Amino acid sequence: MPFKPGQSGNLSGRPKTNLNSLLSAELLKKFDGDKKLTNEQMIVKTLLKLAIEDENLEALKYVYDRMEGRMKDNVEIGAVDGMPVKFTLNLGDKGNT
């Protein structure tokens, strides 16, 4: 075994930066083409242009999902003969069903 029990294989630990913090920092910077707006504001402006002016259904759906929340999927479960389906749900090792 290369490591003794209890010894970490990553002695320097997790890197101090991650993708989310780097992306957040870039989004807050001013957009190169328009110094009055941030990159984040330009993304929103472009998304709305796609949804409204270009009638892009994917962009429209994305905007709607962000504003209203995603629609819930309804799933109906039933037996072939119309009788209710019986099932058991095991919630862990304590024997709860």
C-alpha atoms as a PDB file:
ATOM      1  CA  MET A   1       0.000   0.000   0.000  1.00  0.00           C
ATOM      2  CA  PRO A   2       1.395   3.432  -0.895  1.00  0.00           C
ATOM      3  CA  PHE A   3      -0.286   5.174   2.104  1.00  0.00           C
ATOM      4  CA  LYS A   4      -0.617   4.097   5.706  1.00  0.00           C
ATOM      5  CA  PRO A   5      -4.163   3.895   7.142  1.00  0.00           C
ATOM      6  CA  GLY A   6      -5.320   7.399   8.113  1.00  0.00           C
ATOM      7  CA  GLN A   7      -2.676   9.117   5.974  1.00  0.00           C
ATOM      8  CA  SER A   8      -3.947  11.459   3.284  1.00  0.00           C
ATOM      9  CA  GLY A   9      -2.855  11.052  -0.308  1.00  0.00           C
ATOM     10  CA  ASN A  10      -3.347  14.773  -0.951  1.00  0.00           C
ATOM     11  CA  LEU A  11      -0.932  16.504   1.399  1.00  0.00           C
ATOM     12  CA  SER A  12      -1.349  19.985  -0.088  1.00  0.00           C
ATOM     13  CA  GLY A  13      -5.170  19.813   0.220  1.00  0.00           C
ATOM     14  CA  ARG A  14      -7.828  21.094  -2.121  1.00  0.00           C
ATOM     15  CA  PRO A  15      -6.832  23.972  -4.430  1.00  0.00           C
ATOM     16  CA  LYS A  16      -7.832  27.407  -3.101  1.00  0.00           C
ATOM     17  CA  THR A  17      -9.739  28.401  -6.285  1.00  0.00           C
ATOM     18  CA  ASN A  18     -12.510  26.555  -8.023  1.00  0.00           C
ATOM     19  CA  LEU A  19     -14.504  27.007 -11.204  1.00  0.00           C
ATOM     20  CA  ASN A  20     -17.456  28.713  -9.476  1.00  0.00           C
ATOM     21  CA  SER A  21     -15.353  31.427  -7.852  1.00  0.00           C
ATOM     22  CA  LEU A  22     -13.430  32.072 -11.095  1.00  0.00           C
ATOM     23  CA  LEU A  23     -16.638  32.247 -13.131  1.00  0.00           C
ATOM     24  CA  SER A  24     -18.319  34.560 -10.595  1.00  0.00           C
ATOM     25  CA  ALA A  25     -15.357  36.926 -10.699  1.00  0.00           C
ATOM     26  CA  GLU A  26     -15.410  37.071 -14.513  1.00  0.00           C
ATOM     27  CA  LEU A  27     -19.177  37.649 -14.650  1.00  0.00           C
ATOM     28  CA  LEU A  28     -18.835  40.731 -12.424  1.00  0.00           C
ATOM     29  CA  LYS A  29     -16.192  42.335 -14.665  1.00  0.00           C
ATOM     30  CA  LYS A  30     -17.180  44.918 -17.269  1.00  0.00           C
ATOM     31  CA  PHE A  31     -18.016  43.565 -20.737  1.00  0.00           C
ATOM     32  CA  ASP A  32     -15.309  44.416 -23.291  1.00  0.00           C
ATOM     33  CA  GLY A  33     -17.734  45.671 -25.948  1.00  0.00           C
ATOM     34  CA  ASP A  34     -19.802  47.867 -23.603  1.00  0.00           C
ATOM     35  CA  LYS A  35     -18.007  49.150 -20.497  1.00  0.00           C
ATOM     36  CA  LYS A  36     -21.325  50.239 -18.914  1.00  0.00           C
ATOM     37  CA  LEU A  37     -22.531  46.636 -18.527  1.00  0.00           C
ATOM     38  CA  THR A  38     -21.019  43.643 -16.755  1.00  0.00           C
ATOM     39  CA  ASN A  39     -20.530  40.283 -18.468  1.00  0.00           C
ATOM     40  CA  GLU A  40     -23.446  38.975 -16.401  1.00  0.00           C
ATOM     41  CA  GLN A  41     -25.728  41.779 -17.631  1.00  0.00           C
ATOM     42  CA  MET A  42     -24.692  41.105 -21.243  1.00  0.00           C
ATOM     43  CA  ILE A  43     -25.564  37.425 -20.871  1.00  0.00           C
ATOM     44  CA  VAL A  44     -29.043  38.339 -19.619  1.00  0.00           C
ATOM     45  CA  LYS A  45     -29.477  40.918 -22.417  1.00  0.00           C
ATOM     46  CA  THR A  46     -28.405  38.375 -25.062  1.00  0.00           C
ATOM     47  CA  LEU A  47     -30.640  35.654 -23.608  1.00  0.00           C
ATOM     48  CA  LEU A  48     -33.678  37.966 -23.674  1.00  0.00           C
ATOM     49  CA  LYS A  49     -32.887  39.026 -27.247  1.00  0.00           C
ATOM     50  CA  LEU A  50     -32.770  35.376 -28.302  1.00  0.00           C
ATOM     51  CA  ALA A  51     -36.038  34.624 -26.505  1.00  0.00           C
ATOM     52  CA  ILE A  52     -37.996  37.672 -27.695  1.00  0.00           C
ATOM     53  CA  GLU A  53     -36.593  38.987 -30.972  1.00  0.00           C
ATOM     54  CA  ASP A  54     -35.232  35.754 -32.426  1.00  0.00           C
ATOM     55  CA  GLU A  55     -38.119  33.659 -31.041  1.00  0.00           C
ATOM     56  CA  ASN A  56     -35.664  31.002 -29.880  1.00  0.00           C
ATOM     57  CA  LEU A  57     -37.808  28.472 -28.002  1.00  0.00           C
ATOM     58  CA  GLU A  58     -34.924  27.085 -25.937  1.00  0.00           C
ATOM     59  CA  ALA A  59     -34.008  30.580 -24.716  1.00  0.00           C
ATOM     60  CA  LEU A  60     -37.666  31.361 -24.023  1.00  0.00           C
ATOM     61  CA  LYS A  61     -38.071  28.130 -22.048  1.00  0.00           C
ATOM     62  CA  TYR A  62     -34.907  28.874 -20.068  1.00  0.00           C
ATOM     63  CA  VAL A  63     -36.123  32.374 -19.146  1.00  0.00           C
ATOM     64  CA  TYR A  64     -39.563  31.064 -18.180  1.00  0.00           C
ATOM     65  CA  ASP A  65     -38.081  28.243 -16.083  1.00  0.00           C
ATOM     66  CA  ARG A  66     -35.848  30.727 -14.250  1.00  0.00           C
ATOM     67  CA  MET A  67     -38.708  33.144 -13.550  1.00  0.00           C
ATOM     68  CA  GLU A  68     -41.567  30.755 -12.780  1.00  0.00           C
ATOM     69  CA  GLY A  69     -39.763  27.549 -11.833  1.00  0.00           C
ATOM     70  CA  ARG A  70     -39.782  24.355 -13.858  1.00  0.00           C
ATOM     71  CA  MET A  71     -43.110  22.695 -14.412  1.00  0.00           C
ATOM     72  CA  LYS A  72     -43.631  19.527 -12.412  1.00  0.00           C
ATOM     73  CA  ASP A  73     -43.857  16.255 -14.295  1.00  0.00           C
ATOM     74  CA  ASN A  74     -46.988  14.312 -13.450  1.00  0.00           C
ATOM     75  CA  VAL A  75     -46.597  10.556 -13.480  1.00  0.00           C
ATOM     76  CA  GLU A  76     -49.566   8.259 -13.046  1.00  0.00           C
ATOM     77  CA  ILE A  77     -48.920   4.734 -11.827  1.00  0.00           C
ATOM     78  CA  GLY A  78     -51.554   2.065 -12.123  1.00  0.00           C
ATOM     79  CA  ALA A  79     -51.955  -1.613 -12.792  1.00  0.00           C
ATOM     80  CA  VAL A  80     -53.186  -2.915 -16.138  1.00  0.00           C
ATOM     81  CA  ASP A  81     -56.506  -4.014 -14.631  1.00  0.00           C
ATOM     82  CA  GLY A  82     -57.166  -0.573 -13.104  1.00  0.00           C
ATOM     83  CA  MET A  83     -56.459  -1.712  -9.554  1.00  0.00           C
ATOM     84  CA  PRO A  84     -54.114   0.316  -7.309  1.00  0.00           C
ATOM     85  CA  VAL A  85     -50.451  -0.634  -7.309  1.00  0.00           C
ATOM     86  CA  LYS A  86     -49.028  -1.692  -3.937  1.00  0.00           C
ATOM     87  CA  PHE A  87     -45.380  -1.051  -3.228  1.00  0.00           C
ATOM     88  CA  THR A  88     -43.044  -0.998  -0.229  1.00  0.00           C
ATOM     89  CA  LEU A  89     -40.519   1.739   0.446  1.00  0.00           C
ATOM     90  CA  ASN A  90     -37.488   0.783   2.520  1.00  0.00           C
ATOM     91  CA  LEU A  91     -36.131   3.870   4.326  1.00  0.00           C
ATOM     92  CA  GLY A  92     -33.028   2.332   5.804  1.00  0.00           C
ATOM     93  CA  ASP A  93     -31.596  -0.352   8.019  1.00  0.00           C
ATOM     94  CA  LYS A  94     -34.068   0.176  10.881  1.00  0.00           C
ATOM     95  CA  GLY A  95     -36.748  -1.961   9.234  1.00  0.00           C
ATOM     96  CA  ASN A  96     -39.093   0.960   8.394  1.00  0.00           C
ATOM     97  CA  THR A  97     -41.345   0.230   5.433  1.00  0.00           C
END
